[in-house]
Amino acid sequence: MKRLIALMMMVMFSTAALTACNTMAGAGKDVQKVGEKVEDKAQDCKDGKC
């Protein structure tokens, strides 16, 4: 019985960890896109198009 409980806890932890990785990867991509937009706008202002 203890073995079954330990196995179930490992499965639940692994699933949670994998889900968190996917979520963080998506958030990282969003932040990267925002950073690119800021860089583009800063470059435009530097070139006098602002």
N, C-alpha and C. Protein backbone atom coordinates (compact mmCIF):
# COMPACT_ATOMS: atom_id res chain seq x y z
N MET A 1 0.82 -1.19 0.00
CA MET A 1 0.00 0.00 0.00
C MET A 1 0.87 1.26 0.00
N LYS A 2 1.93 1.27 0.81
CA LYS A 2 2.82 2.43 0.86
C LYS A 2 3.49 2.64 -0.50
N ARG A 3 3.79 1.54 -1.15
CA ARG A 3 4.43 1.63 -2.46
C ARG A 3 3.50 2.27 -3.48
N LEU A 4 2.24 1.91 -3.45
CA LEU A 4 1.25 2.48 -4.35
C LEU A 4 1.08 3.98 -4.11
N ILE A 5 1.02 4.37 -2.87
CA ILE A 5 0.88 5.78 -2.53
C ILE A 5 2.11 6.56 -3.00
N ALA A 6 3.29 6.01 -2.79
CA ALA A 6 4.52 6.68 -3.22
C ALA A 6 4.54 6.82 -4.74
N LEU A 7 4.11 5.79 -5.44
CA LEU A 7 4.07 5.83 -6.90
C LEU A 7 3.09 6.89 -7.39
N MET A 8 1.92 6.94 -6.78
CA MET A 8 0.92 7.93 -7.17
C MET A 8 1.42 9.36 -6.91
N MET A 9 2.13 9.57 -5.82
CA MET A 9 2.66 10.89 -5.51
C MET A 9 3.73 11.29 -6.53
N MET A 10 4.55 10.33 -6.94
CA MET A 10 5.57 10.61 -7.95
C MET A 10 4.93 10.99 -9.28
N VAL A 11 3.88 10.29 -9.66
CA VAL A 11 3.17 10.60 -10.90
C VAL A 11 2.56 11.99 -10.84
N MET A 12 1.94 12.32 -9.73
CA MET A 12 1.31 13.64 -9.58
C MET A 12 2.36 14.75 -9.63
N PHE A 13 3.50 14.54 -8.97
CA PHE A 13 4.57 15.54 -8.96
C PHE A 13 5.15 15.73 -10.36
N SER A 14 5.36 14.63 -11.07
CA SER A 14 5.90 14.70 -12.43
C SER A 14 4.96 15.45 -13.36
N THR A 15 3.68 15.17 -13.26
CA THR A 15 2.69 15.84 -14.09
C THR A 15 2.67 17.34 -13.80
N ALA A 16 2.71 17.70 -12.54
CA ALA A 16 2.71 19.12 -12.16
C ALA A 16 3.97 19.82 -12.66
N ALA A 17 5.10 19.16 -12.56
CA ALA A 17 6.35 19.76 -13.00
C ALA A 17 6.35 19.96 -14.50
N LEU A 18 5.87 19.01 -15.26
CA LEU A 18 5.84 19.14 -16.71
C LEU A 18 4.87 20.24 -17.15
N THR A 19 3.76 20.34 -16.48
CA THR A 19 2.79 21.40 -16.80
C THR A 19 3.38 22.77 -16.50
N ALA A 20 4.08 22.89 -15.41
CA ALA A 20 4.70 24.17 -15.05
C ALA A 20 5.75 24.56 -16.09
N CYS A 21 6.49 23.60 -16.60
CA CYS A 21 7.51 23.90 -17.61
C CYS A 21 6.85 24.46 -18.86
N ASN A 22 5.75 23.86 -19.29
CA ASN A 22 5.06 24.36 -20.47
C ASN A 22 4.52 25.76 -20.25
N THR A 23 4.01 26.02 -19.08
CA THR A 23 3.47 27.33 -18.76
C THR A 23 4.58 28.37 -18.75
N MET A 24 5.70 28.05 -18.14
CA MET A 24 6.82 28.99 -18.08
C MET A 24 7.41 29.23 -19.47
N ALA A 25 7.42 28.21 -20.30
CA ALA A 25 7.93 28.39 -21.66
C ALA A 25 7.04 29.37 -22.42
N GLY A 26 5.74 29.23 -22.27
CA GLY A 26 4.81 30.15 -22.92
C GLY A 26 4.96 31.57 -22.41
N ALA A 27 5.13 31.71 -21.11
CA ALA A 27 5.32 33.04 -20.53
C ALA A 27 6.62 33.65 -21.01
N GLY A 28 7.64 32.85 -21.13
CA GLY A 28 8.92 33.34 -21.62
C GLY A 28 8.82 33.86 -23.05
N LYS A 29 8.07 33.16 -23.88
CA LYS A 29 7.87 33.60 -25.26
C LYS A 29 7.10 34.91 -25.31
N ASP A 30 6.10 35.06 -24.45
CA ASP A 30 5.34 36.31 -24.40
C ASP A 30 6.22 37.48 -23.99
N VAL A 31 7.04 37.27 -22.97
CA VAL A 31 7.94 38.33 -22.50
C VAL A 31 8.95 38.68 -23.60
N GLN A 32 9.41 37.68 -24.31
CA GLN A 32 10.37 37.92 -25.39
C GLN A 32 9.74 38.78 -26.49
N LYS A 33 8.49 38.49 -26.84
CA LYS A 33 7.81 39.28 -27.87
C LYS A 33 7.64 40.73 -27.43
N VAL A 34 7.29 40.94 -26.17
CA VAL A 34 7.14 42.30 -25.66
C VAL A 34 8.48 43.02 -25.71
N GLY A 35 9.54 42.34 -25.34
CA GLY A 35 10.88 42.94 -25.40
C GLY A 35 11.26 43.33 -26.81
N GLU A 36 10.91 42.50 -27.78
CA GLU A 36 11.21 42.83 -29.18
C GLU A 36 10.45 44.08 -29.62
N LYS A 37 9.21 44.20 -29.21
CA LYS A 37 8.41 45.39 -29.56
C LYS A 37 9.03 46.65 -28.95
N VAL A 38 9.48 46.56 -27.70
CA VAL A 38 10.10 47.70 -27.04
C VAL A 38 11.39 48.09 -27.77
N GLU A 39 12.17 47.09 -28.15
CA GLU A 39 13.40 47.37 -28.90
C GLU A 39 13.10 48.04 -30.24
N ASP A 40 12.09 47.56 -30.92
CA ASP A 40 11.72 48.15 -32.21
C ASP A 40 11.31 49.61 -32.03
N LYS A 41 10.48 49.88 -31.03
CA LYS A 41 10.03 51.25 -30.78
C LYS A 41 11.19 52.15 -30.40
N ALA A 42 12.11 51.63 -29.58
CA ALA A 42 13.27 52.42 -29.18
C ALA A 42 14.14 52.74 -30.40
N GLN A 43 14.28 51.80 -31.28
CA GLN A 43 15.07 52.03 -32.49
C GLN A 43 14.40 53.07 -33.38
N ASP A 44 13.07 52.99 -33.50
CA ASP A 44 12.33 53.98 -34.28
C ASP A 44 12.52 55.39 -33.71
N CYS A 45 12.46 55.52 -32.40
CA CYS A 45 12.63 56.82 -31.76
C CYS A 45 14.07 57.32 -31.94
N LYS A 46 15.00 56.41 -31.91
CA LYS A 46 16.40 56.78 -32.11
C LYS A 46 16.63 57.30 -33.53
N ASP A 47 15.89 56.74 -34.49
CA ASP A 47 16.01 57.15 -35.88
C ASP A 47 15.17 58.40 -36.20
N GLY A 48 14.45 58.93 -35.22
CA GLY A 48 13.67 60.15 -35.42
C GLY A 48 12.27 59.91 -35.94
N LYS A 49 11.76 58.70 -35.89
CA LYS A 49 10.43 58.38 -36.38
C LYS A 49 9.39 58.39 -35.27
N CYS A 50 9.77 58.82 -34.12
CA CYS A 50 8.92 58.75 -32.95
C CYS A 50 7.94 59.88 -32.87
